[in-house]
Amino acid sequence: MASPSLEPVLVGFCDGQLDIKRHQATFITNKVGGQPDVPPPLSHHFPRCSRCQSTLVHVVQVYCPLEGSPYHRTLHVFACLGDDCSGRSECWRVLRSQCLETDTARLPTPPQERSLSATDWCDSADDWGMEEEQGAEVPATENIDLSRKLEELRVGSSEDDPPCFRPYFISVMEETDLYGEDHDLTHAQELLKDYEKREGISVDKLDCCEDGSGEEKYEKTKIRHGDSVFARFMKRISVCSEQILRYCRGGNPLFISEPPANMSQVVLPCSSCGGPRTFELQLMPALVSLLQGESSDMQLEFGTVLVYTCINSCWRSDTNKAIEEFCFVQSDPDQQLFK
């Protein structure tokens, strides 16, 4: 995890259901589930599972422009619903879409999104979230023209599209602000006490430090099942276990279990420019219970999903399709703690 001197860690939460009858989602909407929305002129594209070739289901959409960049920038994470696939990294895909601000400047946007620009993400964390109620209704006189032009921005649905998870807005706050808010910590504290009792340890004694290289070193603590990394994961999220996403581009991921010793080699170079990738965001265990579909067989199981993206966020003006980035999936060693 990033040190205090680096970029802050932003924590995402569910911020109410996205009612498609009242809200028009576009590529600058941060959401769970639903159909993916991409900027023009990118084409409609659902990736397939590299293991079973099934069409993947959209899991999250995150609007994350970079400071100083003229581009809008959106990440879409997809996963396979196959019983033997959801816990495998090769069965997840992440696509990065970009477009110049000037390409969409003349297109109308819904009132709840009107103040967003490509630099807001870095200047103010509060701009990442969506207000669930404010500006929800579009004036009747604008309904027809606005809906028609917004439909041009959206990935259109067709009979071949896979089923989708129920959509929810994502709101955000800095992790450090969690410690100053009056949150109900009862459930999180109970989970932590149960874990300490079962393992015979005190999680408060599990700490980490960083050397000059920015890499974290974990204190060696004897735990009954030997997983000090998981214990530290529990400690870090215990203040707010309902977080569904963590964002810190260029920071350090919060692993849920021991990562491979050769993690730097596991993360492949950018598939477009060949440059290195950097950690950007991760999906958290609390997201699992939020992913609900039209049928009971629409289920995903994972501990955390780490997303690494091109450090240069490479993009050419003539690009007409999204660029694939890299996912690394870790299963949850103690899934029942989040139920």
C-alpha atoms as a PDB file:
ATOM      1  CA  MET A   1       0.000   0.000   0.000  1.00  0.00           C
ATOM      2  CA  ALA A   2       1.227   3.468  -0.725  1.00  0.00           C
ATOM      3  CA  SER A   3       3.043   5.366   1.970  1.00  0.00           C
ATOM      4  CA  PRO A   4       1.531   8.646   3.210  1.00  0.00           C
ATOM      5  CA  SER A   5       3.920  10.616   0.970  1.00  0.00           C
ATOM      6  CA  LEU A   6       2.550   8.983  -2.183  1.00  0.00           C
ATOM      7  CA  GLU A   7      -0.843   9.239  -3.846  1.00  0.00           C
ATOM      8  CA  PRO A   8      -3.710   8.643  -1.383  1.00  0.00           C
ATOM      9  CA  VAL A   9      -5.627   5.385  -1.447  1.00  0.00           C
ATOM     10  CA  LEU A  10      -9.197   5.969  -2.614  1.00  0.00           C
ATOM     11  CA  VAL A  11     -11.827   3.556  -1.344  1.00  0.00           C
ATOM     12  CA  GLY A  12     -14.996   2.814  -3.307  1.00  0.00           C
ATOM     13  CA  PHE A  13     -18.420   1.939  -1.891  1.00  0.00           C
ATOM     14  CA  CYS A  14     -21.815   1.003  -3.243  1.00  0.00           C
ATOM     15  CA  ASP A  15     -23.866   4.203  -3.536  1.00  0.00           C
ATOM     16  CA  GLY A  16     -27.310   2.923  -4.401  1.00  0.00           C
ATOM     17  CA  GLN A  17     -28.826   1.090  -7.338  1.00  0.00           C
ATOM     18  CA  LEU A  18     -28.563   2.642 -10.796  1.00  0.00           C
ATOM     19  CA  ASP A  19     -32.130   2.740 -12.056  1.00  0.00           C
ATOM     20  CA  ILE A  20     -31.858   2.763 -15.858  1.00  0.00           C
ATOM     21  CA  LYS A  21     -35.331   4.350 -16.036  1.00  0.00           C
ATOM     22  CA  ARG A  22     -34.124   7.379 -14.090  1.00  0.00           C
ATOM     23  CA  HIS A  23     -30.374   7.534 -14.757  1.00  0.00           C
ATOM     24  CA  GLN A  24     -28.511   7.505 -18.069  1.00  0.00           C
ATOM     25  CA  ALA A  25     -25.062   5.966 -17.605  1.00  0.00           C
ATOM     26  CA  THR A  26     -22.189   7.006 -19.880  1.00  0.00           C
ATOM     27  CA  PHE A  27     -18.469   6.249 -19.996  1.00  0.00           C
ATOM     28  CA  ILE A  28     -17.846   8.760 -17.168  1.00  0.00           C
ATOM     29  CA  THR A  29     -20.169   6.878 -14.806  1.00  0.00           C
ATOM     30  CA  ASN A  30     -18.516   4.763 -12.109  1.00  0.00           C
ATOM     31  CA  LYS A  31     -20.600   1.683 -11.538  1.00  0.00           C
ATOM     32  CA  VAL A  32     -20.865  -1.973 -10.634  1.00  0.00           C
ATOM     33  CA  GLY A  33     -22.460  -4.300 -13.189  1.00  0.00           C
ATOM     34  CA  GLY A  34     -24.785  -3.205 -15.953  1.00  0.00           C
ATOM     35  CA  GLN A  35     -23.608  -3.032 -19.545  1.00  0.00           C
ATOM     36  CA  PRO A  36     -20.269  -1.327 -20.268  1.00  0.00           C
ATOM     37  CA  ASP A  37     -20.304   2.198 -21.685  1.00  0.00           C
ATOM     38  CA  VAL A  38     -17.479   3.327 -23.960  1.00  0.00           C
ATOM     39  CA  PRO A  39     -16.592   6.701 -25.494  1.00  0.00           C
ATOM     40  CA  PRO A  40     -16.906   7.354 -29.228  1.00  0.00           C
ATOM     41  CA  PRO A  41     -15.725   6.124 -31.668  1.00  0.00           C
ATOM     42  CA  LEU A  42     -14.881   2.839 -29.933  1.00  0.00           C
ATOM     43  CA  SER A  43     -16.873  -0.187 -30.982  1.00  0.00           C
ATOM     44  CA  HIS A  44     -19.085  -2.486 -28.953  1.00  0.00           C
ATOM     45  CA  HIS A  45     -16.950  -5.346 -27.640  1.00  0.00           C
ATOM     46  CA  PHE A  46     -17.448  -8.115 -25.074  1.00  0.00           C
ATOM     47  CA  PRO A  47     -14.228 -10.115 -24.511  1.00  0.00           C
ATOM     48  CA  ARG A  48     -14.252 -13.898 -24.194  1.00  0.00           C
ATOM     49  CA  CYS A  49     -12.770 -16.193 -21.578  1.00  0.00           C
ATOM     50  CA  SER A  50      -9.369 -17.481 -22.684  1.00  0.00           C
ATOM     51  CA  ARG A  51     -10.089 -20.798 -20.931  1.00  0.00           C
ATOM     52  CA  CYS A  52     -13.634 -21.751 -21.995  1.00  0.00           C
ATOM     53  CA  GLN A  53     -14.336 -19.125 -24.683  1.00  0.00           C
ATOM     54  CA  SER A  54     -17.561 -17.986 -22.985  1.00  0.00           C
ATOM     55  CA  THR A  55     -18.548 -14.327 -23.319  1.00  0.00           C
ATOM     56  CA  LEU A  56     -17.464 -12.461 -20.188  1.00  0.00           C
ATOM     57  CA  VAL A  57     -19.806 -10.473 -17.939  1.00  0.00           C
ATOM     58  CA  HIS A  58     -19.167  -6.841 -17.059  1.00  0.00           C
ATOM     59  CA  VAL A  59     -18.176  -6.437 -13.384  1.00  0.00           C
ATOM     60  CA  VAL A  60     -17.137  -2.800 -12.845  1.00  0.00           C
ATOM     61  CA  GLN A  61     -16.629   0.396 -14.822  1.00  0.00           C
ATOM     62  CA  VAL A  62     -14.257   3.044 -13.426  1.00  0.00           C
ATOM     63  CA  TYR A  63     -13.768   6.501 -14.922  1.00  0.00           C
ATOM     64  CA  CYS A  64     -10.159   7.408 -14.079  1.00  0.00           C
ATOM     65  CA  PRO A  65      -8.561  10.152 -16.210  1.00  0.00           C
ATOM     66  CA  LEU A  66      -4.957  11.035 -15.451  1.00  0.00           C
ATOM     67  CA  GLU A  67      -3.815  14.434 -14.252  1.00  0.00           C
ATOM     68  CA  GLY A  68      -2.510  16.592 -17.076  1.00  0.00           C
ATOM     69  CA  SER A  69      -3.872  14.288 -19.776  1.00  0.00           C
ATOM     70  CA  PRO A  70      -6.208  15.565 -22.529  1.00  0.00           C
ATOM     71  CA  TYR A  71      -7.980  12.181 -22.569  1.00  0.00           C
ATOM     72  CA  HIS A  72     -11.072  10.850 -20.921  1.00  0.00           C
ATOM     73  CA  ARG A  73     -10.102   7.404 -19.608  1.00  0.00           C
ATOM     74  CA  THR A  74     -12.279   4.492 -18.477  1.00  0.00           C
ATOM     75  CA  LEU A  75     -11.466   0.976 -17.251  1.00  0.00           C
ATOM     76  CA  HIS A  76     -13.872  -1.963 -17.672  1.00  0.00           C
ATOM     77  CA  VAL A  77     -13.350  -5.223 -15.785  1.00  0.00           C
ATOM     78  CA  PHE A  78     -14.980  -8.423 -17.074  1.00  0.00           C
ATOM     79  CA  ALA A  79     -15.129 -11.971 -15.655  1.00  0.00           C
ATOM     80  CA  CYS A  80     -16.223 -15.458 -16.662  1.00  0.00           C
ATOM     81  CA  LEU A  81     -19.165 -16.985 -14.785  1.00  0.00           C
ATOM     82  CA  GLY A  82     -17.958 -20.558 -15.334  1.00  0.00           C
ATOM     83  CA  ASP A  83     -17.713 -22.658 -12.166  1.00  0.00           C
ATOM     84  CA  ASP A  84     -14.040 -23.385 -12.734  1.00  0.00           C
ATOM     85  CA  CYS A  85     -13.137 -19.981 -14.157  1.00  0.00           C
ATOM     86  CA  SER A  86     -13.928 -17.062 -11.817  1.00  0.00           C
ATOM     87  CA  GLY A  87     -10.962 -17.702  -9.538  1.00  0.00           C
ATOM     88  CA  ARG A  88      -8.450 -17.827 -12.404  1.00  0.00           C
ATOM     89  CA  SER A  89      -6.567 -14.752 -13.623  1.00  0.00           C
ATOM     90  CA  GLU A  90      -6.803 -15.840 -17.249  1.00  0.00           C
ATOM     91  CA  CYS A  91     -10.604 -15.820 -16.992  1.00  0.00           C
ATOM     92  CA  TRP A  92     -10.738 -12.114 -16.175  1.00  0.00           C
ATOM     93  CA  ARG A  93     -10.101  -9.267 -18.630  1.00  0.00           C
ATOM     94  CA  VAL A  94      -9.710  -5.514 -18.214  1.00  0.00           C
ATOM     95  CA  LEU A  95     -10.093  -3.078 -21.104  1.00  0.00           C
ATOM     96  CA  ARG A  96      -8.921   0.562 -21.150  1.00  0.00           C
ATOM     97  CA  SER A  97     -10.848   3.068 -23.284  1.00  0.00           C
ATOM     98  CA  GLN A  98      -9.785   6.644 -24.004  1.00  0.00           C
ATOM     99  CA  CYS A  99     -10.931   9.602 -26.063  1.00  0.00           C
ATOM    100  CA  LEU A 100      -9.962  13.265 -26.315  1.00  0.00           C
ATOM    101  CA  GLU A 101     -12.027  15.718 -24.301  1.00  0.00           C
ATOM    102  CA  THR A 102     -12.452  17.769 -27.451  1.00  0.00           C
ATOM    103  CA  ASP A 103     -14.156  14.819 -29.156  1.00  0.00           C
ATOM    104  CA  THR A 104     -17.031  14.878 -26.664  1.00  0.00           C
ATOM    105  CA  ALA A 105     -17.089  18.552 -25.642  1.00  0.00           C
ATOM    106  CA  ARG A 106     -20.141  19.348 -27.791  1.00  0.00           C
ATOM    107  CA  LEU A 107     -22.152  16.334 -26.685  1.00  0.00           C
ATOM    108  CA  PRO A 108     -24.664  16.894 -23.845  1.00  0.00           C
ATOM    109  CA  THR A 109     -24.212  14.992 -20.604  1.00  0.00           C
ATOM    110  CA  PRO A 110     -26.722  14.154 -17.895  1.00  0.00           C
ATOM    111  CA  PRO A 111     -27.055  16.866 -15.212  1.00  0.00           C
ATOM    112  CA  GLN A 112     -25.502  14.623 -12.540  1.00  0.00           C
ATOM    113  CA  GLU A 113     -22.343  14.280 -14.649  1.00  0.00           C
ATOM    114  CA  ARG A 114     -22.112  17.772 -16.157  1.00  0.00           C
ATOM    115  CA  SER A 115     -19.332  19.081 -13.877  1.00  0.00           C
ATOM    116  CA  LEU A 116     -16.909  16.205 -14.482  1.00  0.00           C
ATOM    117  CA  SER A 117     -13.752  16.745 -16.555  1.00  0.00           C
ATOM    118  CA  ALA A 118     -10.644  14.696 -17.220  1.00  0.00           C
ATOM    119  CA  THR A 119      -8.699  16.488 -14.471  1.00  0.00           C
ATOM    120  CA  ASP A 120     -11.323  16.217 -11.708  1.00  0.00           C
ATOM    121  CA  TRP A 121     -10.223  12.689 -10.789  1.00  0.00           C
ATOM    122  CA  CYS A 122      -6.841  13.835  -9.535  1.00  0.00           C
ATOM    123  CA  ASP A 123      -7.875  17.232  -8.173  1.00  0.00           C
ATOM    124  CA  SER A 124     -10.760  16.033  -5.997  1.00  0.00           C
ATOM    125  CA  ALA A 125     -11.575  12.508  -4.895  1.00  0.00           C
ATOM    126  CA  ASP A 126     -15.192  13.485  -4.251  1.00  0.00           C
ATOM    127  CA  ASP A 127     -15.797  13.951  -7.983  1.00  0.00           C
ATOM    128  CA  TRP A 128     -15.308  10.234  -8.549  1.00  0.00           C
ATOM    129  CA  GLY A 129     -18.616   9.277  -6.930  1.00  0.00           C
ATOM    130  CA  MET A 130     -22.086   9.856  -8.283  1.00  0.00           C
ATOM    131  CA  GLU A 131     -24.835  11.612  -6.386  1.00  0.00           C
ATOM    132  CA  GLU A 132     -27.624   9.095  -6.265  1.00  0.00           C
ATOM    133  CA  GLU A 133     -30.512  11.539  -6.219  1.00  0.00           C
ATOM    134  CA  GLN A 134     -29.299  14.956  -7.392  1.00  0.00           C
ATOM    135  CA  GLY A 135     -30.012  15.685 -11.028  1.00  0.00           C
ATOM    136  CA  ALA A 136     -31.595  12.299 -11.537  1.00  0.00           C
ATOM    137  CA  GLU A 137     -34.397  13.609 -13.731  1.00  0.00           C
ATOM    138  CA  VAL A 138     -33.780  15.025 -17.223  1.00  0.00           C
ATOM    139  CA  PRO A 139     -36.170  17.884 -18.148  1.00  0.00           C
ATOM    140  CA  ALA A 140     -38.959  16.680 -20.429  1.00  0.00           C
ATOM    141  CA  THR A 141     -38.039  19.157 -23.173  1.00  0.00           C
ATOM    142  CA  GLU A 142     -34.570  17.607 -23.424  1.00  0.00           C
ATOM    143  CA  ASN A 143     -35.533  13.955 -23.129  1.00  0.00           C
ATOM    144  CA  ILE A 144     -35.666  13.075 -26.834  1.00  0.00           C
ATOM    145  CA  ASP A 145     -32.506  14.810 -28.082  1.00  0.00           C
ATOM    146  CA  LEU A 146     -30.483  13.969 -24.972  1.00  0.00           C
ATOM    147  CA  SER A 147     -31.441  10.300 -25.000  1.00  0.00           C
ATOM    148  CA  ARG A 148     -30.620   9.989 -28.700  1.00  0.00           C
ATOM    149  CA  LYS A 149     -27.133  11.483 -28.339  1.00  0.00           C
ATOM    150  CA  LEU A 150     -26.343   9.611 -25.126  1.00  0.00           C
ATOM    151  CA  GLU A 151     -27.308   6.372 -26.838  1.00  0.00           C
ATOM    152  CA  GLU A 152     -24.531   7.101 -29.338  1.00  0.00           C
ATOM    153  CA  LEU A 153     -22.058   7.109 -26.439  1.00  0.00           C
ATOM    154  CA  ARG A 154     -23.290   3.920 -24.872  1.00  0.00           C
ATOM    155  CA  VAL A 155     -22.364   0.377 -25.799  1.00  0.00           C
ATOM    156  CA  GLY A 156     -25.607  -0.752 -27.365  1.00  0.00           C
ATOM    157  CA  SER A 157     -27.351  -3.878 -26.163  1.00  0.00           C
ATOM    158  CA  SER A 158     -28.208  -6.668 -28.557  1.00  0.00           C
ATOM    159  CA  GLU A 159     -29.567 -10.181 -28.427  1.00  0.00           C
ATOM    160  CA  ASP A 160     -25.992 -11.480 -28.381  1.00  0.00           C
ATOM    161  CA  ASP A 161     -25.009  -9.509 -25.278  1.00  0.00           C
ATOM    162  CA  PRO A 162     -24.424 -11.599 -22.133  1.00  0.00           C
ATOM    163  CA  PRO A 163     -26.666 -11.143 -19.090  1.00  0.00           C
ATOM    164  CA  CYS A 164     -25.560  -8.407 -16.725  1.00  0.00           C
ATOM    165  CA  PHE A 165     -25.268  -7.880 -12.994  1.00  0.00           C
ATOM    166  CA  ARG A 166     -27.616  -5.425 -11.320  1.00  0.00           C
ATOM    167  CA  PRO A 167     -26.019  -1.955 -11.701  1.00  0.00           C
ATOM    168  CA  TYR A 168     -25.005   0.209  -8.743  1.00  0.00           C
ATOM    169  CA  PHE A 169     -23.287   3.577  -8.505  1.00  0.00           C
ATOM    170  CA  ILE A 170     -19.833   3.700  -6.899  1.00  0.00           C
ATOM    171  CA  SER A 171     -18.937   6.553  -4.545  1.00  0.00           C
ATOM    172  CA  VAL A 172     -15.496   7.208  -3.098  1.00  0.00           C
ATOM    173  CA  MET A 173     -13.528   8.722  -0.248  1.00  0.00           C
ATOM    174  CA  GLU A 174      -9.905   8.784   0.808  1.00  0.00           C
ATOM    175  CA  GLU A 175      -8.978   5.903   3.089  1.00  0.00           C
ATOM    176  CA  THR A 176      -7.521   8.273   5.691  1.00  0.00           C
ATOM    177  CA  ASP A 177     -10.928   9.949   6.033  1.00  0.00           C
ATOM    178  CA  LEU A 178     -12.448   6.667   7.203  1.00  0.00           C
ATOM    179  CA  TYR A 179     -10.652   6.973  10.492  1.00  0.00           C
ATOM    180  CA  GLY A 180     -12.208  10.335  11.183  1.00  0.00           C
ATOM    181  CA  GLU A 181     -15.779   9.419  10.313  1.00  0.00           C
ATOM    182  CA  ASP A 182     -18.358   8.094  12.744  1.00  0.00           C
ATOM    183  CA  HIS A 183     -18.819   4.697  11.094  1.00  0.00           C
ATOM    184  CA  ASP A 184     -20.552   1.740  12.666  1.00  0.00           C
ATOM    185  CA  LEU A 185     -17.580  -0.538  13.288  1.00  0.00           C
ATOM    186  CA  THR A 186     -19.395  -3.165  15.332  1.00  0.00           C
ATOM    187  CA  HIS A 187     -19.516  -5.810  12.601  1.00  0.00           C
ATOM    188  CA  ALA A 188     -15.915  -5.232  11.531  1.00  0.00           C
ATOM    189  CA  GLN A 189     -14.694  -5.406  15.132  1.00  0.00           C
ATOM    190  CA  GLU A 190     -16.592  -8.652  15.725  1.00  0.00           C
ATOM    191  CA  LEU A 191     -15.000 -10.210  12.628  1.00  0.00           C
ATOM    192  CA  LEU A 192     -11.571  -9.112  13.795  1.00  0.00           C
ATOM    193  CA  LYS A 193     -12.069 -10.504  17.309  1.00  0.00           C
ATOM    194  CA  ASP A 194     -13.286 -13.833  15.920  1.00  0.00           C
ATOM    195  CA  TYR A 195     -10.230 -14.016  13.689  1.00  0.00           C
ATOM    196  CA  GLU A 196      -7.836 -13.212  16.560  1.00  0.00           C
ATOM    197  CA  LYS A 197      -9.461 -15.812  18.794  1.00  0.00           C
ATOM    198  CA  ARG A 198      -9.356 -18.507  16.117  1.00  0.00           C
ATOM    199  CA  GLU A 199      -5.728 -17.840  15.205  1.00  0.00           C
ATOM    200  CA  GLY A 200      -4.447 -17.087  18.700  1.00  0.00           C
ATOM    201  CA  ILE A 201      -2.894 -13.745  17.702  1.00  0.00           C
ATOM    202  CA  SER A 202      -3.357 -10.029  18.114  1.00  0.00           C
ATOM    203  CA  VAL A 203      -3.764  -8.369  14.741  1.00  0.00           C
ATOM    204  CA  ASP A 204      -2.563  -5.070  16.240  1.00  0.00           C
ATOM    205  CA  LYS A 205       0.901  -6.605  16.408  1.00  0.00           C
ATOM    206  CA  LEU A 206       0.979  -7.220  12.675  1.00  0.00           C
ATOM    207  CA  ASP A 207       2.643  -4.289  10.992  1.00  0.00           C
ATOM    208  CA  CYS A 208       4.566  -3.591   7.852  1.00  0.00           C
ATOM    209  CA  CYS A 209       7.322  -1.221   6.902  1.00  0.00           C
ATOM    210  CA  GLU A 210       8.696   0.093   3.647  1.00  0.00           C
ATOM    211  CA  ASP A 211      12.306   0.402   2.664  1.00  0.00           C
ATOM    212  CA  GLY A 212      13.732   2.990   0.295  1.00  0.00           C
ATOM    213  CA  SER A 213      12.614   1.019  -2.749  1.00  0.00           C
ATOM    214  CA  GLY A 214       8.949   1.564  -1.898  1.00  0.00           C
ATOM    215  CA  GLU A 215       8.363  -2.174  -1.493  1.00  0.00           C
ATOM    216  CA  GLU A 216       6.613  -3.408   1.611  1.00  0.00           C
ATOM    217  CA  LYS A 217       8.189  -5.868   4.023  1.00  0.00           C
ATOM    218  CA  TYR A 218       5.941  -7.928   6.282  1.00  0.00           C
ATOM    219  CA  GLU A 219       6.772  -8.561   9.904  1.00  0.00           C
ATOM    220  CA  LYS A 220       7.202 -12.273  10.574  1.00  0.00           C
ATOM    221  CA  THR A 221       4.465 -13.232  12.998  1.00  0.00           C
ATOM    222  CA  LYS A 222       3.510 -16.776  13.893  1.00  0.00           C
ATOM    223  CA  ILE A 223      -0.077 -17.446  12.867  1.00  0.00           C
ATOM    224  CA  ARG A 224      -1.837 -20.755  13.219  1.00  0.00           C
ATOM    225  CA  HIS A 225      -2.403 -21.211   9.477  1.00  0.00           C
ATOM    226  CA  GLY A 226       0.795 -19.352   8.578  1.00  0.00           C
ATOM    227  CA  ASP A 227      -0.828 -16.598   6.503  1.00  0.00           C
ATOM    228  CA  SER A 228       0.474 -13.301   7.890  1.00  0.00           C
ATOM    229  CA  VAL A 229      -0.425 -11.542   4.630  1.00  0.00           C
ATOM    230  CA  PHE A 230      -4.113 -12.368   5.084  1.00  0.00           C
ATOM    231  CA  ALA A 231      -3.984 -11.198   8.696  1.00  0.00           C
ATOM    232  CA  ARG A 232      -2.571  -7.873   7.596  1.00  0.00           C
ATOM    233  CA  PHE A 233      -5.268  -7.640   4.884  1.00  0.00           C
ATOM    234  CA  MET A 234      -7.928  -8.108   7.576  1.00  0.00           C
ATOM    235  CA  LYS A 235      -6.323  -5.489   9.771  1.00  0.00           C
ATOM    236  CA  ARG A 236      -6.215  -2.918   6.975  1.00  0.00           C
ATOM    237  CA  ILE A 237      -9.881  -3.265   5.961  1.00  0.00           C
ATOM    238  CA  SER A 238     -11.325  -3.890   9.443  1.00  0.00           C
ATOM    239  CA  VAL A 239     -12.196  -0.210   9.867  1.00  0.00           C
ATOM    240  CA  CYS A 240     -14.546  -0.478   6.879  1.00  0.00           C
ATOM    241  CA  SER A 241     -15.196  -3.979   5.586  1.00  0.00           C
ATOM    242  CA  GLU A 242     -17.901  -2.832   3.136  1.00  0.00           C
ATOM    243  CA  GLN A 243     -15.377  -1.291   0.724  1.00  0.00           C
ATOM    244  CA  ILE A 244     -15.731  -2.821  -2.738  1.00  0.00           C
ATOM    245  CA  LEU A 245     -12.799  -1.205  -4.535  1.00  0.00           C
ATOM    246  CA  ARG A 246      -9.427   0.382  -3.751  1.00  0.00           C
ATOM    247  CA  TYR A 247      -7.673   2.790  -6.129  1.00  0.00           C
ATOM    248  CA  CYS A 248      -4.068   4.012  -5.985  1.00  0.00           C
ATOM    249  CA  ARG A 249      -2.330   4.226  -9.363  1.00  0.00           C
ATOM    250  CA  GLY A 250       1.383   3.648  -8.901  1.00  0.00           C
ATOM    251  CA  GLY A 251       0.903   2.495  -5.308  1.00  0.00           C
ATOM    252  CA  ASN A 252       1.220  -0.966  -3.777  1.00  0.00           C
ATOM    253  CA  PRO A 253      -1.670  -3.476  -3.887  1.00  0.00           C
ATOM    254  CA  LEU A 254      -3.135  -4.966  -0.737  1.00  0.00           C
ATOM    255  CA  PHE A 255      -2.577  -8.697  -1.253  1.00  0.00           C
ATOM    256  CA  ILE A 256      -4.983 -11.115   0.405  1.00  0.00           C
ATOM    257  CA  SER A 257      -2.494 -13.988   0.312  1.00  0.00           C
ATOM    258  CA  GLU A 258       1.222 -14.373  -0.352  1.00  0.00           C
ATOM    259  CA  PRO A 259       1.947 -13.129  -3.897  1.00  0.00           C
ATOM    260  CA  PRO A 260       4.300 -15.010  -6.224  1.00  0.00           C
ATOM    261  CA  ALA A 261       7.973 -14.331  -5.556  1.00  0.00           C
ATOM    262  CA  ASN A 262       8.321 -13.293  -9.198  1.00  0.00           C
ATOM    263  CA  MET A 263       5.330 -10.938  -9.208  1.00  0.00           C
ATOM    264  CA  SER A 264       7.198  -8.389 -11.315  1.00  0.00           C
ATOM    265  CA  GLN A 265       7.523 -11.056 -14.037  1.00  0.00           C
ATOM    266  CA  VAL A 266       3.922 -12.241 -13.634  1.00  0.00           C
ATOM    267  CA  VAL A 267       2.633  -8.788 -14.580  1.00  0.00           C
ATOM    268  CA  LEU A 268       3.101  -8.754 -18.352  1.00  0.00           C
ATOM    269  CA  PRO A 269       4.197  -5.656 -20.310  1.00  0.00           C
ATOM    270  CA  CYS A 270       1.626  -3.504 -22.082  1.00  0.00           C
ATOM    271  CA  SER A 271       0.084  -5.412 -24.971  1.00  0.00           C
ATOM    272  CA  SER A 272       0.000  -2.248 -27.076  1.00  0.00           C
ATOM    273  CA  CYS A 273       3.332  -0.432 -26.601  1.00  0.00           C
ATOM    274  CA  GLY A 274       5.400  -3.061 -24.778  1.00  0.00           C
ATOM    275  CA  GLY A 275       6.087  -0.733 -21.854  1.00  0.00           C
ATOM    276  CA  PRO A 276       5.843  -1.695 -18.167  1.00  0.00           C
ATOM    277  CA  ARG A 277       2.586  -1.760 -16.263  1.00  0.00           C
ATOM    278  CA  THR A 278       1.818  -0.308 -12.850  1.00  0.00           C
ATOM    279  CA  PHE A 279      -0.761  -1.217 -10.210  1.00  0.00           C
ATOM    280  CA  GLU A 280      -3.924   0.892 -10.451  1.00  0.00           C
ATOM    281  CA  LEU A 281      -6.873  -0.613  -8.591  1.00  0.00           C
ATOM    282  CA  GLN A 282      -8.254  -3.749  -6.969  1.00  0.00           C
ATOM    283  CA  LEU A 283     -11.672  -5.277  -6.369  1.00  0.00           C
ATOM    284  CA  MET A 284     -12.447  -6.283  -2.791  1.00  0.00           C
ATOM    285  CA  PRO A 285     -14.298  -9.245  -1.184  1.00  0.00           C
ATOM    286  CA  ALA A 286     -17.361  -7.175  -0.246  1.00  0.00           C
ATOM    287  CA  LEU A 287     -18.118  -6.795  -3.962  1.00  0.00           C
ATOM    288  CA  VAL A 288     -18.921 -10.522  -4.259  1.00  0.00           C
ATOM    289  CA  SER A 289     -22.264 -10.300  -2.446  1.00  0.00           C
ATOM    290  CA  LEU A 290     -23.211  -7.200  -4.444  1.00  0.00           C
ATOM    291  CA  LEU A 291     -22.932  -8.993  -7.800  1.00  0.00           C
ATOM    292  CA  GLN A 292     -26.480 -10.220  -8.359  1.00  0.00           C
ATOM    293  CA  GLY A 293     -27.979 -11.133 -11.707  1.00  0.00           C
ATOM    294  CA  GLU A 294     -31.236 -12.212 -13.247  1.00  0.00           C
ATOM    295  CA  SER A 295     -30.607 -15.841 -12.322  1.00  0.00           C
ATOM    296  CA  SER A 296     -29.051 -17.586  -9.322  1.00  0.00           C
ATOM    297  CA  ASP A 297     -26.258 -19.075 -11.427  1.00  0.00           C
ATOM    298  CA  MET A 298     -24.760 -15.604 -12.015  1.00  0.00           C
ATOM    299  CA  GLN A 299     -22.155 -15.829  -9.268  1.00  0.00           C
ATOM    300  CA  LEU A 300     -18.490 -14.916  -8.910  1.00  0.00           C
ATOM    301  CA  GLU A 301     -16.111 -15.982  -6.178  1.00  0.00           C
ATOM    302  CA  PHE A 302     -12.813 -14.187  -5.571  1.00  0.00           C
ATOM    303  CA  GLY A 303     -10.717 -12.667  -2.820  1.00  0.00           C
ATOM    304  CA  THR A 304      -9.249  -9.701  -4.626  1.00  0.00           C
ATOM    305  CA  VAL A 305      -8.677  -8.805  -8.280  1.00  0.00           C
ATOM    306  CA  LEU A 306      -5.614  -6.640  -8.937  1.00  0.00           C
ATOM    307  CA  VAL A 307      -5.581  -4.466 -12.064  1.00  0.00           C
ATOM    308  CA  TYR A 308      -2.295  -3.326 -13.613  1.00  0.00           C
ATOM    309  CA  THR A 309      -2.254  -0.786 -16.467  1.00  0.00           C
ATOM    310  CA  CYS A 310       0.264   0.675 -18.909  1.00  0.00           C
ATOM    311  CA  ILE A 311       2.450   3.127 -17.007  1.00  0.00           C
ATOM    312  CA  ASN A 312       2.314   5.471 -20.017  1.00  0.00           C
ATOM    313  CA  SER A 313      -1.418   4.923 -20.636  1.00  0.00           C
ATOM    314  CA  CYS A 314      -0.474   4.679 -24.312  1.00  0.00           C
ATOM    315  CA  TRP A 315      -3.101   5.715 -26.844  1.00  0.00           C
ATOM    316  CA  ARG A 316      -3.132   6.778 -30.477  1.00  0.00           C
ATOM    317  CA  SER A 317      -5.639   9.189 -31.951  1.00  0.00           C
ATOM    318  CA  ASP A 318      -6.595   6.643 -34.610  1.00  0.00           C
ATOM    319  CA  THR A 319      -7.286   3.840 -32.107  1.00  0.00           C
ATOM    320  CA  ASN A 320     -10.800   2.460 -32.562  1.00  0.00           C
ATOM    321  CA  LYS A 321     -10.862  -0.284 -29.941  1.00  0.00           C
ATOM    322  CA  ALA A 322     -10.062  -0.607 -26.252  1.00  0.00           C
ATOM    323  CA  ILE A 323      -6.604  -1.695 -25.099  1.00  0.00           C
ATOM    324  CA  GLU A 324      -6.344  -4.787 -22.934  1.00  0.00           C
ATOM    325  CA  GLU A 325      -4.612  -4.459 -19.574  1.00  0.00           C
ATOM    326  CA  PHE A 326      -3.638  -7.075 -16.954  1.00  0.00           C
ATOM    327  CA  CYS A 327      -5.592  -8.764 -14.135  1.00  0.00           C
ATOM    328  CA  PHE A 328      -4.215 -10.879 -11.304  1.00  0.00           C
ATOM    329  CA  VAL A 329      -6.776 -12.780  -9.213  1.00  0.00           C
ATOM    330  CA  GLN A 330      -6.288 -14.085  -5.676  1.00  0.00           C
ATOM    331  CA  SER A 331      -8.877 -16.364  -4.085  1.00  0.00           C
ATOM    332  CA  ASP A 332     -10.199 -15.626  -0.600  1.00  0.00           C
ATOM    333  CA  PRO A 333      -8.565 -17.953   1.991  1.00  0.00           C
ATOM    334  CA  ASP A 334     -11.403 -17.293   4.442  1.00  0.00           C
ATOM    335  CA  GLN A 335     -14.478 -16.316   2.428  1.00  0.00           C
ATOM    336  CA  GLN A 336     -16.897 -16.857   5.311  1.00  0.00           C
ATOM    337  CA  LEU A 337     -15.545 -13.773   7.071  1.00  0.00           C
ATOM    338  CA  PHE A 338     -17.272 -11.573   4.491  1.00  0.00           C
ATOM    339  CA  LYS A 339     -20.685 -13.223   4.573  1.00  0.00           C
END
